[in-house]
Amino acid sequence: MADDNPSAPAPSQPVGWFELFFDLVVVASVNVTNDRYLEHPSASTALIAILGLISLCWVWFLTTTANNVYPVSGALRRGLVLVQMGALILAALAIDYGDPVRMSRGLAVYGLALIISAALFFLGGGGSMRAPLARQAVFVSIGGAICVVAGLVGPELLWPFLVIALVIGIIPGLTVHRAASPPVFVARPDHLRERLGLFILIVLGDGFLLLVQALGTKGSVPNLGVFAMTFIISVSIWALYFEGTFPHSVSMVGMRWRLSLLAHLTLVFGMIATLDCLVLFTAREQDRLGEQHLAYFAGGVTVILLSFAVLGFCSHGRLGLVGMVQVLSGLTVAVAGVAWLPGADVPVYSVMLVAGLIVGANAAFAVWRIRANIPIPQTH
């Protein structure tokens, strides 16, 4: 099969099955990274986990960008993406806080995943340095090479090399051609919106699957009230994103894509933290997060609400009443999580009830405002 033709027209179907498969693999890698943190929760492991999640999401963005700008896929490109999927899984599985050799190997295979992303840009652009994203491909290649070399050499501290590689790749990619609207990495806005939405959907769905699995090991539901609030909070997050922020009626014209990508990243962090707590609370295993489990939960909810406020600003060009309510709600939860919850003797269910009411009310208000602003077709 011939490889990519940059001049070929974009396919009518925005997202194909192969892209969805790639999303599932990345989310699986994200979950492995998160599980490693939950096995040994601490401030130091949390920082490593956050860095790992940023790294995985960065590769997801790079490959998604390649498919967005160069939509025609060939056998070579798909083969490279398959290798990349394997590298991401191996990198996530290599996270072992007590085995530096294993971590070094993980960094090396992650570097391979970055190099493949750069190769996708070069192939899509026909090898021309004048093609869109060609210069970014050079920086990504350098970052990938740094990870490979550092992983093979195996220095005592690995994370500085990963940080350097990410900085080299991310900053040029999000700052070059700042005046371009849309950015050079957005050739098909509807495609990118759908990819982002599907990624969020898979993360949420996988979190709910972990909840069911945790309950399955118990043989029953330890607390029906906690389970009900878990369900309500999960559905409210879904509604906030798909109906209260990015319904099909919202146009992508004028979208602040760079800020939106950052807000999607923080939203993923907030969802993962919140879903972790919901799973542990429902299974009555909150002690795994230590004495600050309620503050951790409040932090996750805060990040979710503030991320939605930023996403609404990116989409509508202004914060609006919905965004202001989300900011106020998020700050209120943050203050409670820092100033009150750590020293208070509060039942988990009471905290979940309040959180469910806040997130649910924000979802209902955002959906109502979106629907109220949709023009009603005139009938004659």
Protein backbone atom coordinates (compact mmCIF):
# COMPACT_ATOMS: atom_id res chain seq x y z
CA MET A 1 0.00 0.00 0.00
CA ALA A 2 1.36 3.41 -0.86
CA ASP A 3 2.19 5.71 1.98
CA ASP A 4 0.66 9.11 2.74
CA ASN A 5 -0.11 11.71 0.15
CA PRO A 6 -0.19 15.12 1.84
CA SER A 7 -2.27 16.61 -0.94
CA ALA A 8 -5.04 14.04 -0.66
CA PRO A 9 -8.39 15.30 0.63
CA ALA A 10 -9.49 14.62 4.17
CA PRO A 11 -11.76 11.61 4.58
CA SER A 12 -15.44 12.21 5.20
CA GLN A 13 -15.40 10.12 8.40
CA PRO A 14 -13.74 12.30 11.08
CA VAL A 15 -12.41 9.51 13.32
CA GLY A 16 -11.57 5.95 12.30
CA TRP A 17 -11.34 2.74 14.28
CA PHE A 18 -7.53 2.77 14.28
CA GLU A 19 -7.49 6.15 16.03
CA LEU A 20 -9.93 4.84 18.63
CA PHE A 21 -7.70 1.83 19.21
CA PHE A 22 -4.77 4.18 19.75
CA ASP A 23 -6.82 6.14 22.30
CA LEU A 24 -7.61 2.96 24.22
CA VAL A 25 -3.92 2.02 24.37
CA VAL A 26 -2.92 5.46 25.65
CA VAL A 27 -5.65 5.42 28.31
CA ALA A 28 -4.53 1.94 29.35
CA SER A 29 -0.98 3.29 29.75
CA VAL A 30 -2.34 6.22 31.76
CA ASN A 31 -4.16 3.81 34.07
CA VAL A 32 -1.04 1.71 34.59
CA THR A 33 0.88 4.85 35.55
CA ASN A 34 -1.87 5.87 37.94
CA ASP A 35 -2.05 2.38 39.47
CA ARG A 36 1.68 2.47 40.18
CA TYR A 37 1.12 5.69 42.12
CA LEU A 38 -1.79 4.26 44.10
CA GLU A 39 0.39 1.32 45.14
CA HIS A 40 2.84 3.75 46.81
CA PRO A 41 1.09 7.12 47.28
CA SER A 42 3.41 9.91 48.44
CA ALA A 43 4.46 13.38 47.41
CA SER A 44 7.49 12.08 45.48
CA THR A 45 5.59 9.33 43.65
CA ALA A 46 2.81 11.81 42.87
CA LEU A 47 5.29 14.08 41.08
CA ILE A 48 6.64 11.16 39.06
CA ALA A 49 3.09 10.07 38.21
CA ILE A 50 2.15 13.58 37.05
CA LEU A 51 5.26 13.74 34.89
CA GLY A 52 4.43 10.33 33.44
CA LEU A 53 0.85 11.36 32.65
CA ILE A 54 2.03 14.53 30.92
CA SER A 55 4.47 12.47 28.87
CA LEU A 56 1.79 10.00 27.75
CA CYS A 57 -0.71 12.75 26.91
CA TRP A 58 1.98 14.57 24.92
CA VAL A 59 2.55 11.54 22.69
CA TRP A 60 -1.22 11.21 22.29
CA PHE A 61 -1.40 14.82 21.17
CA LEU A 62 1.48 14.43 18.71
CA THR A 63 0.01 11.36 17.02
CA THR A 64 -3.46 12.90 17.00
CA THR A 65 -2.00 16.01 15.38
CA ALA A 66 -0.34 13.88 12.70
CA ASN A 67 -3.69 12.28 11.90
CA ASN A 68 -5.42 15.65 11.94
CA VAL A 69 -3.05 17.44 9.56
CA TYR A 70 -2.21 14.40 7.40
CA PRO A 71 -5.41 12.31 7.48
CA VAL A 72 -4.52 9.78 4.77
CA SER A 73 -3.04 6.69 6.42
CA GLY A 74 -0.75 4.12 4.87
CA ALA A 75 0.74 0.79 5.87
CA LEU A 76 4.02 2.35 7.00
CA ARG A 77 2.37 4.94 9.22
CA ARG A 78 0.05 2.41 10.82
CA GLY A 79 2.95 0.08 11.42
CA LEU A 80 4.86 2.85 13.17
CA VAL A 81 1.85 3.70 15.34
CA LEU A 82 1.52 0.05 16.35
CA VAL A 83 5.16 0.06 17.46
CA GLN A 84 4.47 3.32 19.28
CA MET A 85 1.53 1.75 21.12
CA GLY A 86 3.74 -1.09 22.30
CA ALA A 87 6.41 1.38 23.43
CA LEU A 88 3.89 3.37 25.48
CA ILE A 89 2.59 0.26 27.23
CA LEU A 90 6.15 -0.90 27.98
CA ALA A 91 7.09 2.54 29.27
CA ALA A 92 4.11 2.57 31.64
CA LEU A 93 4.77 -0.98 32.85
CA ALA A 94 8.41 -0.06 33.52
CA ILE A 95 7.44 2.39 36.26
CA ASP A 96 8.90 0.82 39.39
CA TYR A 97 9.99 3.18 42.14
CA GLY A 98 12.36 0.56 43.57
CA ASP A 99 14.02 -0.57 40.33
CA PRO A 100 16.05 2.17 38.60
CA VAL A 101 17.22 -0.19 35.84
CA ARG A 102 13.64 -0.91 34.87
CA MET A 103 12.81 2.79 34.94
CA SER A 104 15.77 3.48 32.63
CA ARG A 105 14.47 1.00 30.10
CA GLY A 106 11.07 2.64 30.31
CA LEU A 107 12.57 6.03 29.52
CA ALA A 108 14.38 4.58 26.51
CA VAL A 109 11.23 3.05 24.99
CA TYR A 110 9.34 6.27 25.70
CA GLY A 111 12.01 8.08 23.68
CA LEU A 112 11.27 5.65 20.86
CA ALA A 113 7.59 6.66 21.02
CA LEU A 114 8.59 10.32 20.66
CA ILE A 115 10.84 9.58 17.69
CA ILE A 116 7.97 7.75 15.99
CA SER A 117 5.77 10.82 16.47
CA ALA A 118 8.40 12.90 14.69
CA ALA A 119 8.59 10.30 11.92
CA LEU A 120 4.83 10.58 11.41
CA PHE A 121 5.21 14.33 10.86
CA PHE A 122 8.03 13.83 8.35
CA LEU A 123 6.14 11.13 6.45
CA GLY A 124 2.95 13.15 6.34
CA GLY A 125 4.77 16.18 5.01
CA GLY A 126 6.63 14.20 2.38
CA GLY A 127 9.97 14.89 4.08
CA SER A 128 9.84 18.59 3.25
CA MET A 129 10.99 21.06 5.90
CA ARG A 130 8.43 23.52 4.54
CA ALA A 131 5.54 21.24 5.42
CA PRO A 132 3.37 22.03 8.44
CA LEU A 133 4.82 20.66 11.69
CA ALA A 134 8.21 19.88 10.10
CA ARG A 135 10.12 22.12 12.50
CA GLN A 136 8.23 20.68 15.45
CA ALA A 137 9.24 17.21 14.27
CA VAL A 138 12.90 18.22 14.61
CA PHE A 139 12.43 19.31 18.24
CA VAL A 140 10.43 16.18 19.06
CA SER A 141 13.19 14.04 17.53
CA ILE A 142 15.78 15.74 19.72
CA GLY A 143 13.65 15.14 22.80
CA GLY A 144 13.17 11.50 21.89
CA ALA A 145 16.91 11.03 21.33
CA ILE A 146 17.63 12.52 24.77
CA CYS A 147 15.27 10.00 26.39
CA VAL A 148 16.76 7.06 24.49
CA VAL A 149 20.37 7.99 25.35
CA ALA A 150 19.57 8.73 29.00
CA GLY A 151 17.64 5.48 29.29
CA LEU A 152 20.48 3.44 27.83
CA VAL A 153 23.16 5.16 29.94
CA GLY A 154 21.02 4.93 33.10
CA PRO A 155 22.06 7.90 35.26
CA GLU A 156 20.98 8.02 38.90
CA LEU A 157 18.36 10.70 38.21
CA LEU A 158 16.20 10.09 35.16
CA TRP A 159 13.41 12.62 35.52
CA PRO A 160 15.52 15.72 34.59
CA PHE A 161 16.18 14.22 31.16
CA LEU A 162 12.47 13.56 30.64
CA VAL A 163 11.65 17.13 31.66
CA ILE A 164 14.25 18.51 29.23
CA ALA A 165 12.87 16.35 26.42
CA LEU A 166 9.31 17.53 27.08
CA VAL A 167 10.31 21.18 27.27
CA ILE A 168 12.22 20.92 23.98
CA GLY A 169 9.22 19.35 22.27
CA ILE A 170 6.26 21.12 23.85
CA ILE A 171 7.30 24.79 23.97
CA PRO A 172 8.15 25.17 20.25
CA GLY A 173 5.05 23.23 19.26
CA LEU A 174 2.70 25.51 21.17
CA THR A 175 4.47 28.82 20.53
CA VAL A 176 5.45 28.72 16.84
CA HIS A 177 3.08 30.62 14.52
CA ARG A 178 1.09 32.03 17.44
CA ALA A 179 -0.74 34.42 15.10
CA ALA A 180 -2.10 31.57 12.97
CA SER A 181 -5.80 30.88 13.49
CA PRO A 182 -6.42 28.03 13.73
CA PRO A 183 -2.92 26.85 14.72
CA VAL A 184 -0.87 24.82 12.25
CA PHE A 185 -1.66 21.65 14.20
CA VAL A 186 -5.42 22.07 13.63
CA ALA A 187 -6.24 21.35 10.00
CA ARG A 188 -9.63 19.81 10.84
CA PRO A 189 -11.21 21.43 13.93
CA ASP A 190 -14.17 19.04 14.10
CA HIS A 191 -11.82 16.06 13.97
CA LEU A 192 -9.70 17.38 16.85
CA ARG A 193 -12.78 18.20 18.90
CA GLU A 194 -14.08 14.68 18.43
CA ARG A 195 -10.71 13.14 19.31
CA LEU A 196 -10.49 15.19 22.50
CA GLY A 197 -14.04 14.28 23.43
CA LEU A 198 -13.45 10.58 22.83
CA PHE A 199 -10.29 10.67 24.93
CA ILE A 200 -12.22 12.25 27.82
CA LEU A 201 -15.02 9.72 27.35
CA ILE A 202 -12.61 6.77 27.49
CA VAL A 203 -10.92 8.10 30.64
CA LEU A 204 -14.29 8.53 32.35
CA GLY A 205 -15.55 5.16 31.20
CA ASP A 206 -12.40 3.41 32.31
CA GLY A 207 -12.64 5.03 35.72
CA PHE A 208 -16.18 3.73 36.10
CA LEU A 209 -14.98 0.29 35.01
CA LEU A 210 -12.38 0.35 37.80
CA LEU A 211 -15.18 1.14 40.24
CA VAL A 212 -17.17 -1.91 39.14
CA GLN A 213 -14.05 -4.08 39.33
CA ALA A 214 -13.30 -2.86 42.86
CA LEU A 215 -16.84 -3.70 43.94
CA GLY A 216 -16.55 -7.08 42.24
CA THR A 217 -13.66 -8.00 44.51
CA LYS A 218 -15.84 -7.12 47.51
CA GLY A 219 -18.69 -9.33 46.36
CA SER A 220 -21.18 -6.57 47.25
CA VAL A 221 -21.64 -2.81 47.48
CA PRO A 222 -20.34 -1.77 50.92
CA ASN A 223 -22.31 1.49 50.94
CA LEU A 224 -25.19 2.09 48.54
CA GLY A 225 -25.28 5.82 49.34
CA VAL A 226 -21.63 6.27 48.43
CA PHE A 227 -22.13 4.25 45.26
CA ALA A 228 -25.11 6.42 44.28
CA MET A 229 -23.09 9.61 44.76
CA THR A 230 -20.24 8.11 42.76
CA PHE A 231 -22.64 7.47 39.90
CA ILE A 232 -24.10 11.00 40.12
CA ILE A 233 -20.68 12.70 40.14
CA SER A 234 -19.47 10.61 37.19
CA VAL A 235 -22.57 11.35 35.10
CA SER A 236 -22.37 15.05 36.01
CA ILE A 237 -18.80 15.25 34.69
CA TRP A 238 -19.96 13.61 31.46
CA ALA A 239 -22.83 16.10 31.15
CA LEU A 240 -20.58 19.05 31.89
CA TYR A 241 -18.26 18.16 29.04
CA PHE A 242 -20.54 16.83 26.32
CA GLU A 243 -23.67 18.93 26.90
CA GLY A 244 -22.55 21.89 28.99
CA THR A 245 -19.26 22.75 27.27
CA PHE A 246 -18.84 21.12 23.84
CA PRO A 247 -22.24 20.14 22.44
CA HIS A 248 -22.56 19.96 18.65
CA SER A 249 -24.33 23.34 18.66
CA VAL A 250 -21.13 25.08 19.79
CA SER A 251 -18.99 26.28 16.87
CA MET A 252 -15.22 25.74 16.81
CA VAL A 253 -14.65 29.04 14.99
CA GLY A 254 -12.36 31.21 17.11
CA MET A 255 -11.51 28.34 19.46
CA ARG A 256 -8.44 29.01 21.62
CA TRP A 257 -6.85 25.67 20.86
CA ARG A 258 -3.56 26.04 22.72
CA LEU A 259 -5.22 27.00 26.00
CA SER A 260 -7.87 24.36 25.38
CA LEU A 261 -5.23 21.62 25.16
CA LEU A 262 -3.77 22.71 28.49
CA ALA A 263 -7.24 22.73 30.06
CA HIS A 264 -7.94 19.24 28.69
CA LEU A 265 -4.72 18.06 30.33
CA THR A 266 -5.66 19.49 33.72
CA LEU A 267 -9.17 18.10 33.29
CA VAL A 268 -7.70 14.61 32.81
CA PHE A 269 -5.63 15.08 35.98
CA GLY A 270 -8.69 16.19 37.93
CA MET A 271 -10.82 13.33 36.64
CA ILE A 272 -8.20 10.71 37.45
CA ALA A 273 -7.74 12.05 40.99
CA THR A 274 -11.49 12.27 41.55
CA LEU A 275 -12.21 8.84 40.10
CA ASP A 276 -9.43 7.32 42.23
CA CYS A 277 -11.11 8.71 45.33
CA LEU A 278 -14.57 7.61 44.23
CA VAL A 279 -13.34 4.05 43.70
CA LEU A 280 -11.55 3.91 47.05
CA PHE A 281 -14.41 5.57 48.92
CA THR A 282 -16.99 3.19 47.47
CA ALA A 283 -14.82 0.16 48.32
CA ARG A 284 -14.03 1.65 51.77
CA GLU A 285 -10.30 1.68 51.05
CA GLN A 286 -9.72 5.43 51.45
CA ASP A 287 -6.93 4.78 53.97
CA ARG A 288 -4.67 3.92 51.03
CA LEU A 289 -4.45 7.67 50.38
CA GLY A 290 -3.54 8.45 53.99
CA GLU A 291 -5.14 10.95 56.33
CA GLN A 292 -5.50 13.57 53.60
CA HIS A 293 -7.85 11.51 51.42
CA LEU A 294 -10.67 14.04 51.69
CA ALA A 295 -8.36 16.92 50.80
CA TYR A 296 -7.10 14.88 47.82
CA PHE A 297 -10.70 14.38 46.71
CA ALA A 298 -11.46 18.09 47.10
CA GLY A 299 -8.38 18.91 45.04
CA GLY A 300 -9.54 16.67 42.20
CA VAL A 301 -13.02 18.24 42.15
CA THR A 302 -11.46 21.73 42.23
CA VAL A 303 -9.26 20.99 39.21
CA ILE A 304 -12.27 19.64 37.30
CA LEU A 305 -14.41 22.72 37.90
CA LEU A 306 -11.63 25.21 37.10
CA SER A 307 -10.71 23.24 33.97
CA PHE A 308 -14.30 23.44 32.74
CA ALA A 309 -14.28 27.19 33.33
CA VAL A 310 -11.16 27.53 31.15
CA LEU A 311 -12.62 25.23 28.47
CA GLY A 312 -15.78 27.33 28.37
CA PHE A 313 -13.66 30.45 27.93
CA CYS A 314 -11.74 28.78 25.09
CA SER A 315 -14.94 27.83 23.34
CA HIS A 316 -17.06 30.95 23.82
CA GLY A 317 -14.36 33.63 23.98
CA ARG A 318 -15.50 34.83 27.40
CA LEU A 319 -15.90 33.41 30.87
CA GLY A 320 -19.63 34.10 31.05
CA LEU A 321 -21.97 33.38 33.93
CA VAL A 322 -21.42 29.62 33.70
CA GLY A 323 -17.66 30.04 33.89
CA MET A 324 -17.89 32.41 36.84
CA VAL A 325 -20.09 29.95 38.72
CA GLN A 326 -17.59 27.18 37.99
CA VAL A 327 -14.67 29.29 39.21
CA LEU A 328 -16.54 30.25 42.38
CA SER A 329 -17.54 26.64 43.01
CA GLY A 330 -14.00 25.40 42.43
CA LEU A 331 -12.45 27.97 44.75
CA THR A 332 -15.03 27.17 47.43
CA VAL A 333 -14.16 23.47 47.24
CA ALA A 334 -10.44 24.32 47.30
CA VAL A 335 -10.77 26.46 50.43
CA ALA A 336 -12.76 23.72 52.14
CA GLY A 337 -10.18 21.12 51.13
CA VAL A 338 -7.24 23.13 52.46
CA ALA A 339 -8.64 24.98 55.46
CA TRP A 340 -11.39 22.72 56.81
CA LEU A 341 -11.34 19.09 55.70
CA PRO A 342 -7.80 18.11 56.84
CA GLY A 343 -8.60 18.70 60.53
CA ALA A 344 -12.31 17.90 60.51
CA ASP A 345 -13.95 14.62 61.47
CA VAL A 346 -16.36 14.41 58.54
CA PRO A 347 -17.87 11.19 57.14
CA VAL A 348 -16.87 10.38 53.60
CA TYR A 349 -20.47 10.20 52.49
CA SER A 350 -21.15 13.75 53.68
CA VAL A 351 -18.24 15.09 51.64
CA MET A 352 -19.34 13.10 48.60
CA LEU A 353 -22.91 14.37 49.00
CA VAL A 354 -21.77 17.99 48.99
CA ALA A 355 -19.39 17.36 46.07
CA GLY A 356 -22.14 15.60 44.13
CA LEU A 357 -24.52 18.51 44.68
CA ILE A 358 -21.91 21.05 43.57
CA VAL A 359 -20.80 19.18 40.46
CA GLY A 360 -24.38 18.17 39.59
CA ALA A 361 -25.68 21.73 39.99
CA ASN A 362 -22.86 23.08 37.81
CA ALA A 363 -23.66 20.49 35.14
CA ALA A 364 -27.38 21.26 35.21
CA PHE A 365 -26.77 25.01 35.04
CA ALA A 366 -24.26 24.74 32.19
CA VAL A 367 -26.56 22.48 30.15
CA TRP A 368 -29.53 24.79 30.78
CA ARG A 369 -27.59 27.85 29.65
CA ILE A 370 -26.35 26.12 26.49
CA ARG A 371 -29.85 24.96 25.55
CA ALA A 372 -31.37 28.34 26.35
CA ASN A 373 -29.03 30.00 23.86
CA ILE A 374 -29.77 27.60 21.00
CA PRO A 375 -32.01 29.38 18.48
CA ILE A 376 -35.35 27.66 17.88
CA PRO A 377 -35.99 26.97 14.16
CA GLN A 378 -38.85 29.00 12.79
CA THR A 379 -41.71 27.05 11.22
CA HIS A 380 -43.87 28.49 8.49
